[in-house]
C-alpha atoms as a PDB file:
ATOM      1  CA  MET A   1     129.203-122.336 -28.029  1.00  0.00           C
ATOM      2  CA  PRO A   2     132.103-124.215 -29.598  1.00  0.00           C
ATOM      3  CA  ILE A   3     134.986-125.177 -27.353  1.00  0.00           C
ATOM      4  CA  GLU A   4     138.380-123.932 -28.469  1.00  0.00           C
ATOM      5  CA  GLY A   5     141.293-125.411 -26.537  1.00  0.00           C
ATOM      6  CA  SER A   6     141.276-126.568 -22.951  1.00  0.00           C
ATOM      7  CA  VAL A   7     138.823-125.193 -20.417  1.00  0.00           C
ATOM      8  CA  VAL A   8     139.604-124.464 -16.764  1.00  0.00           C
ATOM      9  CA  ALA A   9     136.780-124.611 -14.208  1.00  0.00           C
ATOM     10  CA  LEU A  10     136.719-123.151 -10.721  1.00  0.00           C
ATOM     11  CA  ASP A  11     134.785-123.870  -7.559  1.00  0.00           C
ATOM     12  CA  VAL A  12     135.592-120.709  -5.614  1.00  0.00           C
ATOM     13  CA  GLY A  13     135.166-120.939  -1.865  1.00  0.00           C
ATOM     14  CA  SER A  14     136.174-118.649   0.958  1.00  0.00           C
ATOM     15  CA  ARG A  15     139.181-120.794   1.940  1.00  0.00           C
ATOM     16  CA  ARG A  16     139.988-122.835  -1.159  1.00  0.00           C
ATOM     17  CA  ILE A  17     139.509-122.789  -4.927  1.00  0.00           C
ATOM     18  CA  GLY A  18     138.951-126.129  -6.600  1.00  0.00           C
ATOM     19  CA  VAL A  19     140.375-126.307 -10.115  1.00  0.00           C
ATOM     20  CA  ALA A  20     139.496-128.728 -12.913  1.00  0.00           C
ATOM     21  CA  VAL A  21     140.744-128.809 -16.495  1.00  0.00           C
ATOM     22  CA  SER A  22     139.538-130.340 -19.718  1.00  0.00           C
ATOM     23  CA  ASP A  23     141.506-132.061 -22.401  1.00  0.00           C
ATOM     24  CA  PRO A  24     142.333-129.873 -25.466  1.00  0.00           C
ATOM     25  CA  LEU A  25     139.249-131.123 -27.328  1.00  0.00           C
ATOM     26  CA  GLY A  26     136.905-130.274 -24.450  1.00  0.00           C
ATOM     27  CA  THR A  27     135.717-133.853 -24.069  1.00  0.00           C
ATOM     28  CA  PHE A  28     136.742-134.808 -20.535  1.00  0.00           C
ATOM     29  CA  ALA A  29     136.905-132.988 -17.198  1.00  0.00           C
ATOM     30  CA  PHE A  30     139.774-133.780 -14.843  1.00  0.00           C
ATOM     31  CA  PRO A  31     140.205-132.609 -11.241  1.00  0.00           C
ATOM     32  CA  HIS A  32     143.449-130.625 -11.273  1.00  0.00           C
ATOM     33  CA  ASP A  33     144.342-128.825  -8.060  1.00  0.00           C
ATOM     34  CA  THR A  34     143.142-127.048  -4.952  1.00  0.00           C
ATOM     35  CA  ILE A  35     144.419-123.536  -4.356  1.00  0.00           C
ATOM     36  CA  GLU A  36     144.528-122.375  -0.756  1.00  0.00           C
ATOM     37  CA  ARG A  37     143.209-118.801  -0.773  1.00  0.00           C
ATOM     38  CA  THR A  38     145.598-116.054   0.315  1.00  0.00           C
ATOM     39  CA  ASN A  39     144.482-112.830  -1.373  1.00  0.00           C
ATOM     40  CA  VAL A  40     142.707-111.993  -4.611  1.00  0.00           C
ATOM     41  CA  ARG A  41     145.888-111.001  -6.458  1.00  0.00           C
ATOM     42  CA  ASN A  42     147.682-114.270  -5.647  1.00  0.00           C
ATOM     43  CA  ASP A  43     144.555-116.353  -6.225  1.00  0.00           C
ATOM     44  CA  VAL A  44     143.978-114.832  -9.670  1.00  0.00           C
ATOM     45  CA  ALA A  45     147.665-115.156 -10.581  1.00  0.00           C
ATOM     46  CA  ALA A  46     147.618-118.872  -9.711  1.00  0.00           C
ATOM     47  CA  ILE A  47     144.491-119.426 -11.825  1.00  0.00           C
ATOM     48  CA  VAL A  48     145.839-117.505 -14.808  1.00  0.00           C
ATOM     49  CA  ALA A  49     149.095-119.496 -14.582  1.00  0.00           C
ATOM     50  CA  ILE A  50     147.137-122.762 -14.759  1.00  0.00           C
ATOM     51  CA  ALA A  51     145.074-121.458 -17.689  1.00  0.00           C
ATOM     52  CA  ARG A  52     148.227-120.457 -19.598  1.00  0.00           C
ATOM     53  CA  GLU A  53     149.938-123.753 -18.784  1.00  0.00           C
ATOM     54  CA  ARG A  54     146.916-125.634 -20.191  1.00  0.00           C
ATOM     55  CA  ASP A  55     146.495-123.230 -23.151  1.00  0.00           C
ATOM     56  CA  ALA A  56     142.938-122.565 -21.967  1.00  0.00           C
ATOM     57  CA  ARG A  57     140.867-119.949 -23.741  1.00  0.00           C
ATOM     58  CA  THR A  58     137.916-120.253 -21.362  1.00  0.00           C
ATOM     59  CA  ILE A  59     137.581-120.239 -17.588  1.00  0.00           C
ATOM     60  CA  VAL A  60     134.287-121.454 -16.145  1.00  0.00           C
ATOM     61  CA  VAL A  61     133.381-120.212 -12.678  1.00  0.00           C
ATOM     62  CA  GLY A  62     130.764-121.859 -10.499  1.00  0.00           C
ATOM     63  CA  ASP A  63     127.978-119.385  -9.751  1.00  0.00           C
ATOM     64  CA  PRO A  64     126.623-119.941  -6.214  1.00  0.00           C
ATOM     65  CA  LEU A  65     122.973-119.060  -6.675  1.00  0.00           C
ATOM     66  CA  THR A  66     120.561-119.507  -3.790  1.00  0.00           C
ATOM     67  CA  MET A  67     118.266-122.531  -3.801  1.00  0.00           C
ATOM     68  CA  ALA A  68     115.554-120.193  -5.158  1.00  0.00           C
ATOM     69  CA  GLY A  69     117.838-119.334  -8.089  1.00  0.00           C
ATOM     70  CA  THR A  70     118.512-115.770  -6.968  1.00  0.00           C
ATOM     71  CA  ARG A  71     121.795-113.960  -6.417  1.00  0.00           C
ATOM     72  CA  GLY A  72     122.767-113.729  -2.765  1.00  0.00           C
ATOM     73  CA  ILE A  73     125.856-112.584  -0.893  1.00  0.00           C
ATOM     74  CA  ALA A  74     127.948-115.545  -2.097  1.00  0.00           C
ATOM     75  CA  ALA A  75     127.117-114.735  -5.739  1.00  0.00           C
ATOM     76  CA  GLU A  76     127.994-111.077  -5.181  1.00  0.00           C
ATOM     77  CA  ASN A  77     131.374-112.149  -3.780  1.00  0.00           C
ATOM     78  CA  ILE A  78     131.947-114.258  -6.893  1.00  0.00           C
ATOM     79  CA  ASP A  79     130.983-111.278  -9.075  1.00  0.00           C
ATOM     80  CA  ALA A  80     133.817-109.300  -7.480  1.00  0.00           C
ATOM     81  CA  PHE A  81     136.238-112.207  -7.881  1.00  0.00           C
ATOM     82  CA  VAL A  82     135.289-112.650 -11.559  1.00  0.00           C
ATOM     83  CA  ALA A  83     135.861-108.918 -12.144  1.00  0.00           C
ATOM     84  CA  HIS A  84     139.447-109.318 -10.869  1.00  0.00           C
ATOM     85  CA  LEU A  85     139.904-112.457 -12.959  1.00  0.00           C
ATOM     86  CA  ALA A  86     138.594-110.737 -16.092  1.00  0.00           C
ATOM     87  CA  ARG A  87     141.249-108.029 -15.773  1.00  0.00           C
ATOM     88  CA  ALA A  88     144.043-110.641 -15.664  1.00  0.00           C
ATOM     89  CA  PHE A  89     142.764-113.258 -18.154  1.00  0.00           C
ATOM     90  CA  ASP A  90     142.354-112.395 -21.818  1.00  0.00           C
ATOM     91  CA  GLY A  91     140.041-115.292 -22.701  1.00  0.00           C
ATOM     92  CA  ARG A  92     136.352-115.934 -22.066  1.00  0.00           C
ATOM     93  CA  ILE A  93     134.929-116.281 -18.590  1.00  0.00           C
ATOM     94  CA  GLU A  94     131.677-118.222 -18.307  1.00  0.00           C
ATOM     95  CA  ARG A  95     129.444-118.843 -15.307  1.00  0.00           C
ATOM     96  CA  ILE A  96     127.667-122.115 -14.475  1.00  0.00           C
ATOM     97  CA  ASP A  97     125.090-122.629 -11.735  1.00  0.00           C
ATOM     98  CA  GLU A  98     126.876-124.632  -9.072  1.00  0.00           C
ATOM     99  CA  ARG A  99     124.026-125.277  -6.662  1.00  0.00           C
ATOM    100  CA  LEU A 100     124.551-128.524  -4.763  1.00  0.00           C
ATOM    101  CA  THR A 101     127.791-129.531  -6.540  1.00  0.00           C
ATOM    102  CA  THR A 102     129.842-129.615  -3.343  1.00  0.00           C
ATOM    103  CA  ALA A 103     127.030-131.388  -1.489  1.00  0.00           C
ATOM    104  CA  ALA A 104     126.762-133.986  -4.269  1.00  0.00           C
ATOM    105  CA  VAL A 105     130.509-134.591  -4.215  1.00  0.00           C
ATOM    106  CA  GLN A 106     130.518-134.873  -0.398  1.00  0.00           C
ATOM    107  CA  LYS A 107     127.645-137.373  -0.502  1.00  0.00           C
ATOM    108  CA  SER A 108     129.432-139.437  -3.148  1.00  0.00           C
ATOM    109  CA  LEU A 109     132.682-139.479  -1.167  1.00  0.00           C
ATOM    110  CA  ILE A 110     130.897-140.417   2.062  1.00  0.00           C
ATOM    111  CA  GLY A 111     129.118-143.205   0.176  1.00  0.00           C
ATOM    112  CA  ALA A 112     132.508-144.439  -1.004  1.00  0.00           C
ATOM    113  CA  ASP A 113     133.692-144.431   2.641  1.00  0.00           C
ATOM    114  CA  VAL A 114     136.390-141.811   1.997  1.00  0.00           C
ATOM    115  CA  SER A 115     137.792-140.465   5.260  1.00  0.00           C
ATOM    116  CA  ARG A 116     136.963-136.928   6.380  1.00  0.00           C
ATOM    117  CA  ALA A 117     140.636-135.907   6.029  1.00  0.00           C
ATOM    118  CA  LYS A 118     140.830-137.232   2.462  1.00  0.00           C
ATOM    119  CA  ARG A 119     137.489-135.626   1.548  1.00  0.00           C
ATOM    120  CA  LYS A 120     138.826-132.247   2.644  1.00  0.00           C
ATOM    121  CA  THR A 121     141.754-132.537   0.221  1.00  0.00           C
ATOM    122  CA  VAL A 122     139.710-133.519  -2.846  1.00  0.00           C
ATOM    123  CA  VAL A 123     136.172-132.131  -2.518  1.00  0.00           C
ATOM    124  CA  ASP A 124     136.881-128.711  -4.049  1.00  0.00           C
ATOM    125  CA  LYS A 125     138.630-129.978  -7.169  1.00  0.00           C
ATOM    126  CA  LEU A 126     135.970-132.676  -7.626  1.00  0.00           C
ATOM    127  CA  ALA A 127     133.259-130.001  -7.371  1.00  0.00           C
ATOM    128  CA  ALA A 128     135.163-127.994 -10.010  1.00  0.00           C
ATOM    129  CA  ALA A 129     135.231-131.103 -12.222  1.00  0.00           C
ATOM    130  CA  MET A 130     131.462-131.438 -11.824  1.00  0.00           C
ATOM    131  CA  ILE A 131     131.026-127.778 -12.823  1.00  0.00           C
ATOM    132  CA  LEU A 132     133.260-128.386 -15.842  1.00  0.00           C
ATOM    133  CA  GLU A 133     131.358-131.530 -16.856  1.00  0.00           C
ATOM    134  CA  THR A 134     128.132-129.509 -16.836  1.00  0.00           C
ATOM    135  CA  TYR A 135     129.712-126.801 -18.986  1.00  0.00           C
ATOM    136  CA  LEU A 136     131.178-129.283 -21.485  1.00  0.00           C
ATOM    137  CA  ALA A 137     127.869-131.163 -21.799  1.00  0.00           C
ATOM    138  CA  ARG A 138     126.012-127.924 -22.521  1.00  0.00           C
ATOM    139  CA  ALA A 139     128.635-126.873 -25.058  1.00  0.00           C
ATOM    140  CA  ARG A 140     128.235-130.168 -26.927  1.00  0.00           C
ATOM    141  CA  ALA A 141     124.412-129.988 -26.928  1.00  0.00           C
END
């Protein structure tokens, strides 16, 4: 799957959405922002605005599969969110397995002795960057 333009990646949680973006060539993933959730309409509008600002043609959404690799309640909630996003965004929407991304980011930040308060402000966008790195690596393979 060739990358055309920037890519936006999302780590969608119940309270916050972590956002990461790539460079226009799809080489690097950068943590971008954390969106505090309000309602689906506002959340989707904020994401689409970022995608347009970055001239993104693809949005990658972390898919929260269970540890057994099955679709649980969290994945069903993301399915509904992606359906709303698909109606508002005219590019491609891809899904990437996000199992353990947030846990890996938390562990890394704790290992770096980052305070709990600081971790809370960056963990979601760093998890989104990890999701985006996975997507970009697969696209290059």
